[in-house]
Amino acid sequence: MAELPKINIITAGHVDAGKSTLIGRLLFDSGAIRPEQLRKMEQLAKEYKKETFEFAYVMDKLKEERERGLTIDIMHRPFKTKKYYYTIIDCPGHRDFVKNMITGASQADASIFVISAKQGEGIQEQTKEHAFLMKVLGVNQLVVAVNKMDTTNFDENRYNEIVAETKKLLTSIGFDVSKIPFVPVSGLKGDNVFKKSENMPWYKGETLVDAMDSTIQPPELPIDKPLRIPVQDAYTITGVGTVPVGRVETGVLKVGDKVIFQPSGKTGEVKSIEMFHKQQPDAKPGDNIGFNVRGIGKGDVKRGDVCGHLNNPPTVVKEFTAQIIVLNHPTVMTAGYTPVFHLGTASIACKIEEILAKIDPKTGQVIQEKPDFIKTGDAARIRVVPTKPMVAEKQTDIPQLARFAIRDMGQTVAAGIVIDLVKA
């Protein structure tokens, strides 16, 4: 059987728009969750006195599930359609959304943008924020799900209102709405998700899943780019040696390749590559692998290192210029601020040396040169100096290693991309 192309998809939209219920419905109707798993969920929902929430429980109740010993881990749940093999990265709240979107091993190829049609909901603060973020982070393929149509008696006028508002928002940020389908759905009842709804004869377009299949293009595998594998962990296996584990972001790794780990500069030769406990002759972008390297000792490789070919090593930076958007900072960010930058698998404290300019996130135009501070909602260009050696690449060269999240006080305060760098 030929493999279906893989697509990573995120759900975005306001916290109350019904994203989890919609995803639960997608997974259930596509056969990715079995009826008995759903029954367990319904039991759970009853115990929690929220009967209509069984679908949401599919995605949201991981913590409780673990405590109750239910082994249904659905954070990255795959489901198949006629055309693609989708993995949903469900991003429940604001903080997780950002962290998953930027630092999750999963770079999102597309998004289901969920907007509630319920009276009094519609476009809300977080709806705008998520739309913004997707644009900044380069998620350009959207399918809009106008959800909770059942709460409006499947009213065509309400659907048209929401579509008009959403088009206005997306256009203002720079999305091309002529390429975006708007599908009226009910995640709770299943209307227009997998199956055509009889409750909305006025809607002539495709179901949500068909719209995803016809709109979303699979990403080009970056096999022609230099090899980059951010190391998630390194194991020492008796009789084998040191085995780094990570996901190939770009390029191709083959048995016999000479590789270097940065920032440590340790080098070796690839003896074997393993994926899902099977030996492989090579590994391509998106593959999660363990690879044994001759000449590398136990302490030579650790999480946060990046592996590349000896003749094209990962870039160790002395300083870099970045474009960021401040998502959620309790006060303000000023020059001298040293939060933790999460890039690839590394998390390293970096000092914001200077704030070069405040920019309009929609157009990229400079609003103010060298501002004293930036706050939540601002976009800016900054110059950054890491407190210890770290690997980063320019967005124009290897975008997979140019995206980062800035975290402080246990939350994601900003997100951004590296636009220029000075090599160490």
Protein backbone atom coordinates (compact mmCIF):
# COMPACT_ATOMS: atom_id res chain seq x y z
CA MET A 1 0.00 0.00 0.00
CA ALA A 2 1.45 3.36 -1.03
CA GLU A 3 1.90 5.65 1.95
CA LEU A 4 -0.46 8.61 2.12
CA PRO A 5 1.26 12.01 2.38
CA LYS A 6 1.54 13.14 6.02
CA ILE A 7 0.14 16.45 7.19
CA ASN A 8 0.42 18.03 10.64
CA ILE A 9 -2.62 20.10 11.43
CA ILE A 10 -3.33 22.35 14.41
CA THR A 11 -6.62 23.60 15.69
CA ALA A 12 -6.75 27.28 16.47
CA GLY A 13 -9.44 29.61 17.74
CA HIS A 14 -10.92 30.89 20.96
CA VAL A 15 -10.91 28.63 24.00
CA ASP A 16 -14.73 28.30 23.94
CA ALA A 17 -15.17 27.77 20.21
CA GLY A 18 -15.58 24.00 20.62
CA LYS A 19 -12.24 22.85 19.19
CA SER A 20 -11.93 19.72 21.34
CA THR A 21 -15.47 18.58 20.63
CA LEU A 22 -14.89 19.09 16.90
CA ILE A 23 -11.68 17.07 16.98
CA GLY A 24 -13.28 14.32 19.01
CA ARG A 25 -15.95 14.17 16.31
CA LEU A 26 -13.34 14.08 13.51
CA LEU A 27 -11.48 11.23 15.19
CA PHE A 28 -14.64 9.29 15.97
CA ASP A 29 -16.23 9.65 12.52
CA SER A 30 -12.95 8.75 10.79
CA GLY A 31 -12.69 5.57 12.87
CA ALA A 32 -9.55 6.71 14.71
CA ILE A 33 -11.33 6.22 18.05
CA ARG A 34 -13.32 3.07 18.62
CA PRO A 35 -16.87 3.13 20.00
CA GLU A 36 -15.75 1.47 23.26
CA GLN A 37 -13.21 4.26 23.82
CA LEU A 38 -16.01 6.75 23.30
CA ARG A 39 -18.17 4.85 25.80
CA LYS A 40 -15.39 5.18 28.39
CA MET A 41 -15.41 8.87 27.63
CA GLU A 42 -19.18 9.08 28.05
CA GLN A 43 -18.83 7.39 31.44
CA LEU A 44 -16.18 9.93 32.37
CA ALA A 45 -18.34 12.77 31.14
CA LYS A 46 -21.26 11.59 33.29
CA GLU A 47 -19.04 11.33 36.35
CA TYR A 48 -18.01 14.90 35.69
CA LYS A 49 -21.69 15.88 35.16
CA LYS A 50 -21.09 17.21 31.66
CA GLU A 51 -22.89 14.84 29.36
CA THR A 52 -22.53 16.87 26.17
CA PHE A 53 -18.79 16.99 26.56
CA GLU A 54 -17.88 13.43 25.68
CA PHE A 55 -16.08 14.44 22.50
CA ALA A 56 -14.14 17.16 24.24
CA TYR A 57 -13.00 14.57 26.76
CA VAL A 58 -11.30 12.72 23.97
CA MET A 59 -8.79 15.53 23.69
CA ASP A 60 -8.92 17.30 27.01
CA LYS A 61 -9.04 14.69 29.68
CA LEU A 62 -5.52 13.32 29.46
CA LYS A 63 -4.61 14.22 33.04
CA GLU A 64 -7.72 12.75 34.56
CA GLU A 65 -7.42 9.75 32.28
CA ARG A 66 -3.93 9.04 33.46
CA GLU A 67 -5.03 9.34 37.07
CA ARG A 68 -7.86 6.94 36.35
CA GLY A 69 -5.59 4.54 34.52
CA LEU A 70 -7.27 4.96 31.15
CA THR A 71 -4.60 4.71 28.51
CA ILE A 72 -6.01 6.94 25.86
CA ASP A 73 -3.34 9.40 24.97
CA ILE A 74 -4.78 11.43 22.17
CA MET A 75 -2.62 14.52 22.09
CA HIS A 76 -1.17 13.65 18.68
CA ARG A 77 -3.89 11.50 17.23
CA PRO A 78 -3.58 10.47 13.60
CA PHE A 79 -6.56 9.91 11.33
CA LYS A 80 -6.77 9.02 7.66
CA THR A 81 -8.88 10.43 4.88
CA LYS A 82 -9.03 9.29 1.27
CA LYS A 83 -6.10 11.53 0.47
CA TYR A 84 -3.93 12.24 3.53
CA TYR A 85 -2.64 10.92 6.82
CA TYR A 86 -3.34 13.75 9.27
CA THR A 87 -1.86 14.23 12.72
CA ILE A 88 -3.83 16.67 14.85
CA ILE A 89 -1.84 18.73 17.28
CA ASP A 90 -4.54 19.86 19.67
CA CYS A 91 -3.55 23.07 21.35
CA PRO A 92 -6.03 23.61 24.13
CA GLY A 93 -5.23 26.87 25.86
CA HIS A 94 -3.32 29.89 24.77
CA ARG A 95 0.02 29.01 26.34
CA ASP A 96 0.05 25.44 25.11
CA PHE A 97 -1.05 26.57 21.70
CA VAL A 98 2.00 28.75 21.30
CA LYS A 99 4.41 26.27 22.79
CA ASN A 100 3.10 23.42 20.68
CA MET A 101 3.06 25.51 17.61
CA ILE A 102 6.61 26.70 17.88
CA THR A 103 8.57 24.20 19.86
CA GLY A 104 6.54 21.05 19.33
CA ALA A 105 8.46 18.63 17.14
CA SER A 106 5.47 19.07 14.93
CA GLN A 107 5.68 22.02 12.60
CA ALA A 108 2.11 22.68 11.57
CA ASP A 109 1.47 22.48 7.84
CA ALA A 110 -2.09 23.77 8.13
CA SER A 111 -4.78 24.78 10.57
CA ILE A 112 -8.45 24.20 11.25
CA PHE A 113 -9.50 27.65 12.46
CA VAL A 114 -12.57 27.16 14.64
CA ILE A 115 -15.05 30.00 15.17
CA SER A 116 -18.23 29.67 17.19
CA ALA A 117 -21.50 30.71 15.55
CA LYS A 118 -23.24 30.82 18.94
CA GLN A 119 -24.79 34.22 19.71
CA GLY A 120 -22.40 36.29 21.83
CA GLU A 121 -19.33 34.25 20.81
CA GLY A 122 -18.06 34.69 17.23
CA ILE A 123 -14.76 36.55 16.83
CA GLN A 124 -13.14 37.00 20.26
CA GLU A 125 -9.77 38.24 21.55
CA GLN A 126 -8.11 34.86 21.31
CA THR A 127 -9.53 34.34 17.83
CA LYS A 128 -7.60 37.40 16.69
CA GLU A 129 -4.47 36.40 18.57
CA HIS A 130 -4.38 32.92 17.06
CA ALA A 131 -4.96 34.29 13.56
CA PHE A 132 -2.04 36.65 14.10
CA LEU A 133 0.21 33.95 15.43
CA MET A 134 -0.48 31.65 12.52
CA LYS A 135 0.51 34.40 10.11
CA VAL A 136 3.70 35.23 12.02
CA LEU A 137 4.69 31.56 12.23
CA GLY A 138 4.03 30.86 8.58
CA VAL A 139 0.95 28.63 8.85
CA ASN A 140 -0.71 29.85 5.67
CA GLN A 141 -3.11 27.03 4.85
CA LEU A 142 -6.39 27.42 6.71
CA VAL A 143 -9.79 25.78 6.69
CA VAL A 144 -12.35 27.73 8.73
CA ALA A 145 -14.91 25.69 10.68
CA VAL A 146 -17.93 27.79 11.65
CA ASN A 147 -18.86 25.63 14.64
CA LYS A 148 -21.89 25.26 16.95
CA MET A 149 -24.34 25.79 14.09
CA ASP A 150 -26.78 23.65 16.10
CA THR A 151 -27.08 26.48 18.67
CA THR A 152 -28.41 28.84 15.96
CA ASN A 153 -30.92 26.37 14.50
CA PHE A 154 -28.55 26.06 11.52
CA ASP A 155 -29.33 29.64 10.51
CA GLU A 156 -27.81 30.69 7.18
CA ASN A 157 -27.81 34.39 8.14
CA ARG A 158 -25.72 33.75 11.25
CA TYR A 159 -23.25 31.72 9.14
CA ASN A 160 -22.98 34.60 6.64
CA GLU A 161 -22.38 37.09 9.48
CA ILE A 162 -19.55 34.99 10.91
CA VAL A 163 -17.99 34.44 7.48
CA ALA A 164 -18.01 38.20 6.78
CA GLU A 165 -16.41 39.01 10.17
CA THR A 166 -13.79 36.30 9.78
CA LYS A 167 -12.90 37.34 6.23
CA LYS A 168 -12.42 40.90 7.45
CA LEU A 169 -10.09 39.74 10.26
CA LEU A 170 -8.04 37.39 8.07
CA THR A 171 -7.72 39.91 5.24
CA SER A 172 -6.47 42.59 7.66
CA ILE A 173 -3.67 40.23 8.74
CA GLY A 174 -2.69 39.36 5.18
CA PHE A 175 -4.38 36.00 4.46
CA ASP A 176 -5.81 35.42 0.98
CA VAL A 177 -9.43 34.56 1.84
CA SER A 178 -10.26 33.53 -1.72
CA LYS A 179 -8.30 30.34 -1.01
CA ILE A 180 -9.93 29.58 2.35
CA PRO A 181 -13.07 27.43 2.65
CA PHE A 182 -15.66 28.33 5.33
CA VAL A 183 -17.62 25.25 6.43
CA PRO A 184 -20.69 25.47 8.71
CA VAL A 185 -20.42 22.55 11.17
CA SER A 186 -21.64 21.16 14.46
CA GLY A 187 -18.87 19.24 16.21
CA LEU A 188 -21.35 18.06 18.82
CA LYS A 189 -23.94 16.69 16.38
CA GLY A 190 -21.55 15.82 13.55
CA ASP A 191 -23.09 18.05 10.88
CA ASN A 192 -20.79 18.61 7.87
CA VAL A 193 -17.73 17.16 9.60
CA PHE A 194 -17.41 13.82 7.81
CA LYS A 195 -20.98 13.52 6.66
CA LYS A 196 -23.05 16.05 4.69
CA SER A 197 -25.63 17.71 6.93
CA GLU A 198 -29.36 17.49 6.18
CA ASN A 199 -29.93 20.44 8.52
CA MET A 200 -28.28 22.96 6.18
CA PRO A 201 -29.64 22.38 2.67
CA TRP A 202 -28.65 26.01 1.89
CA TYR A 203 -24.94 25.13 2.15
CA LYS A 204 -23.66 23.80 -1.16
CA GLY A 205 -19.94 23.45 -0.30
CA GLU A 206 -17.86 20.50 0.89
CA THR A 207 -17.81 18.85 4.32
CA LEU A 208 -14.96 19.83 6.64
CA VAL A 209 -12.90 16.76 5.79
CA ASP A 210 -13.42 17.13 2.03
CA ALA A 211 -12.51 20.82 2.29
CA MET A 212 -9.29 19.87 4.13
CA ASP A 213 -8.42 17.32 1.46
CA SER A 214 -9.08 19.70 -1.42
CA THR A 215 -7.42 22.81 0.07
CA ILE A 216 -4.37 21.62 1.97
CA GLN A 217 -1.15 20.82 0.12
CA PRO A 218 1.40 18.50 1.75
CA PRO A 219 4.69 20.18 2.66
CA GLU A 220 7.68 19.75 0.40
CA LEU A 221 10.13 17.50 2.23
CA PRO A 222 13.27 19.60 2.75
CA ILE A 223 15.61 16.81 1.60
CA ASP A 224 17.79 19.15 -0.47
CA LYS A 225 18.61 21.28 2.58
CA PRO A 226 21.64 20.60 4.83
CA LEU A 227 21.16 17.83 7.39
CA ARG A 228 19.86 19.03 10.78
CA ILE A 229 18.78 16.72 13.60
CA PRO A 230 18.06 18.39 16.96
CA VAL A 231 18.95 15.78 19.60
CA GLN A 232 16.09 14.96 22.00
CA ASP A 233 18.13 12.55 24.10
CA ALA A 234 21.20 10.34 23.98
CA TYR A 235 21.30 6.77 25.29
CA THR A 236 24.19 4.47 26.05
CA ILE A 237 23.30 0.94 25.01
CA THR A 238 25.51 -1.95 26.10
CA GLY A 239 27.23 -3.58 23.16
CA VAL A 240 26.10 -0.81 20.82
CA GLY A 241 27.48 2.44 22.20
CA THR A 242 26.05 5.94 22.20
CA VAL A 243 22.70 6.37 20.46
CA PRO A 244 21.39 9.92 19.97
CA VAL A 245 17.63 10.16 19.36
CA GLY A 246 15.87 12.93 17.47
CA ARG A 247 13.70 13.98 14.56
CA VAL A 248 15.29 14.74 11.21
CA GLU A 249 14.20 18.31 10.42
CA THR A 250 16.03 18.76 7.10
CA GLY A 251 18.35 16.81 4.82
CA VAL A 252 19.00 13.06 4.65
CA LEU A 253 21.10 10.92 7.00
CA LYS A 254 22.69 7.72 5.64
CA VAL A 255 24.64 4.91 7.26
CA GLY A 256 28.36 5.67 6.86
CA ASP A 257 27.91 9.46 6.96
CA LYS A 258 30.50 11.56 8.84
CA VAL A 259 28.60 13.79 11.26
CA ILE A 260 29.30 16.58 13.73
CA PHE A 261 27.33 17.60 16.83
CA GLN A 262 27.16 21.31 17.60
CA PRO A 263 27.79 23.33 19.72
CA SER A 264 30.20 20.74 21.21
CA GLY A 265 32.03 20.07 17.93
CA LYS A 266 32.20 16.29 18.55
CA THR A 267 32.42 14.18 15.38
CA GLY A 268 31.87 10.54 14.41
CA GLU A 269 30.58 8.12 11.79
CA VAL A 270 27.02 6.77 11.57
CA LYS A 271 27.05 2.99 12.11
CA SER A 272 23.30 2.34 12.09
CA ILE A 273 19.93 4.09 11.94
CA GLU A 274 16.83 2.74 13.61
CA MET A 275 13.19 3.79 13.31
CA PHE A 276 10.35 2.09 15.20
CA HIS A 277 12.89 -0.62 16.19
CA LYS A 278 13.74 -1.43 12.57
CA GLN A 279 17.15 -0.82 10.98
CA GLN A 280 17.01 1.72 8.14
CA PRO A 281 19.63 2.57 5.48
CA ASP A 282 18.69 6.26 5.70
CA ALA A 283 16.40 8.79 7.37
CA LYS A 284 14.44 11.68 5.86
CA PRO A 285 12.75 14.82 7.23
CA GLY A 286 9.99 13.99 9.68
CA ASP A 287 11.53 10.64 10.68
CA ASN A 288 12.01 10.09 14.41
CA ILE A 289 15.17 8.02 14.69
CA GLY A 290 17.84 6.61 16.96
CA PHE A 291 21.27 6.48 15.33
CA ASN A 292 24.48 4.91 16.57
CA VAL A 293 27.62 6.98 16.02
CA ARG A 294 31.11 5.48 16.13
CA GLY A 295 33.64 7.68 17.90
CA ILE A 296 31.14 9.43 20.19
CA GLY A 297 31.31 8.80 23.93
CA LYS A 298 28.60 8.85 26.59
CA GLY A 299 29.06 12.47 27.65
CA ASP A 300 29.69 13.86 24.15
CA VAL A 301 26.08 14.35 23.06
CA LYS A 302 23.10 15.71 24.97
CA ARG A 303 19.60 17.10 24.48
CA GLY A 304 19.79 20.46 22.72
CA ASP A 305 22.73 19.55 20.47
CA VAL A 306 22.16 19.54 16.72
CA CYS A 307 23.64 16.93 14.39
CA GLY A 308 24.72 17.80 10.84
CA HIS A 309 27.15 16.60 8.17
CA LEU A 310 30.81 17.30 8.82
CA ASN A 311 31.08 19.24 5.54
CA ASN A 312 28.05 21.46 6.39
CA PRO A 313 27.87 21.75 10.17
CA PRO A 314 24.99 23.34 12.12
CA THR A 315 25.57 27.06 12.73
CA VAL A 316 26.74 28.05 16.21
CA VAL A 317 25.75 31.66 16.80
CA LYS A 318 27.49 34.42 18.72
CA GLU A 319 24.46 36.68 18.37
CA PHE A 320 21.35 36.90 16.22
CA THR A 321 18.63 39.28 15.09
CA ALA A 322 15.07 38.05 15.52
CA GLN A 323 11.55 39.12 14.77
CA ILE A 324 9.27 38.40 17.70
CA ILE A 325 5.70 38.89 18.80
CA VAL A 326 5.09 39.41 22.53
CA LEU A 327 2.21 37.12 23.43
CA ASN A 328 1.78 37.30 27.09
CA HIS A 329 4.12 39.29 29.31
CA PRO A 330 2.95 40.49 32.74
CA THR A 331 4.94 43.76 32.47
CA VAL A 332 7.28 44.91 29.70
CA MET A 333 10.39 43.58 27.94
CA THR A 334 13.43 45.87 27.83
CA ALA A 335 17.07 45.64 26.72
CA GLY A 336 19.04 43.53 29.22
CA TYR A 337 16.15 41.10 29.79
CA THR A 338 17.45 37.48 29.83
CA PRO A 339 14.65 34.90 29.48
CA VAL A 340 14.97 31.31 28.20
CA PHE A 341 14.82 30.75 24.44
CA HIS A 342 13.51 27.34 23.27
CA LEU A 343 14.85 26.53 19.81
CA GLY A 344 14.88 23.01 18.37
CA THR A 345 15.39 20.88 21.48
CA ALA A 346 17.67 23.43 23.21
CA SER A 347 16.56 25.77 25.97
CA ILE A 348 19.16 28.45 26.65
CA ALA A 349 19.02 31.77 28.50
CA CYS A 350 19.63 34.58 26.03
CA LYS A 351 20.02 38.29 26.65
CA ILE A 352 18.03 40.79 24.63
CA GLU A 353 20.89 43.15 23.88
CA GLU A 354 18.76 45.79 22.17
CA ILE A 355 15.30 46.38 20.80
CA LEU A 356 15.97 47.54 17.26
CA ALA A 357 12.44 48.46 16.18
CA LYS A 358 8.78 48.02 16.90
CA ILE A 359 6.99 46.74 13.79
CA ASP A 360 3.47 46.37 12.50
CA PRO A 361 2.95 42.59 12.61
CA LYS A 362 0.57 42.72 9.65
CA THR A 363 2.81 44.61 7.23
CA GLY A 364 6.29 44.33 8.75
CA GLN A 365 6.64 48.15 8.54
CA VAL A 366 8.67 49.85 11.27
CA ILE A 367 6.40 51.81 13.64
CA GLN A 368 9.13 53.04 16.01
CA GLU A 369 12.94 52.85 15.94
CA LYS A 370 14.72 51.71 19.13
CA PRO A 371 11.76 51.77 21.55
CA ASP A 372 12.57 51.64 25.30
CA PHE A 373 10.33 48.64 25.86
CA ILE A 374 7.84 46.29 24.22
CA LYS A 375 4.71 44.79 25.78
CA THR A 376 2.01 42.16 25.14
CA GLY A 377 0.68 42.44 21.59
CA ASP A 378 3.76 44.20 20.20
CA ALA A 379 5.89 42.84 17.37
CA ALA A 380 9.54 43.83 17.26
CA ARG A 381 13.00 43.19 15.87
CA ILE A 382 15.56 42.48 18.57
CA ARG A 383 19.28 41.68 18.81
CA VAL A 384 20.02 38.70 21.03
CA VAL A 385 23.18 37.28 22.64
CA PRO A 386 23.02 33.69 24.00
CA THR A 387 24.61 33.17 27.44
CA LYS A 388 26.25 29.97 26.16
CA PRO A 389 26.93 28.42 22.74
CA MET A 390 23.77 27.55 20.83
CA VAL A 391 22.76 26.47 17.33
CA ALA A 392 20.37 28.57 15.25
CA GLU A 393 19.74 29.06 11.54
CA LYS A 394 18.24 31.89 9.51
CA GLN A 395 14.56 31.70 8.56
CA THR A 396 15.55 32.12 4.88
CA ASP A 397 18.02 29.17 5.04
CA ILE A 398 16.54 26.56 7.38
CA PRO A 399 13.22 27.77 8.83
CA GLN A 400 12.90 24.56 10.87
CA LEU A 401 15.76 25.79 13.10
CA ALA A 402 14.83 29.47 13.07
CA ARG A 403 11.59 29.35 15.07
CA PHE A 404 11.69 29.75 18.82
CA ALA A 405 9.57 30.42 21.88
CA ILE A 406 10.66 32.68 24.72
CA ARG A 407 9.59 31.44 28.14
CA ASP A 408 9.77 33.02 31.54
CA MET A 409 7.92 32.50 34.83
CA GLY A 410 6.51 29.19 33.59
CA GLN A 411 4.79 30.59 30.51
CA THR A 412 5.47 31.44 26.90
CA VAL A 413 5.95 35.19 26.82
CA ALA A 414 6.90 35.60 23.15
CA ALA A 415 7.53 33.73 19.91
CA GLY A 416 9.69 34.51 16.95
CA ILE A 417 12.05 33.69 14.12
CA VAL A 418 15.78 34.27 13.51
CA ILE A 419 16.21 36.66 10.57
CA ASP A 420 19.97 37.22 10.73
CA LEU A 421 22.94 35.88 12.67
CA VAL A 422 26.63 36.30 13.49
CA LYS A 423 28.53 33.00 13.53
CA ALA A 424 30.54 32.17 16.64
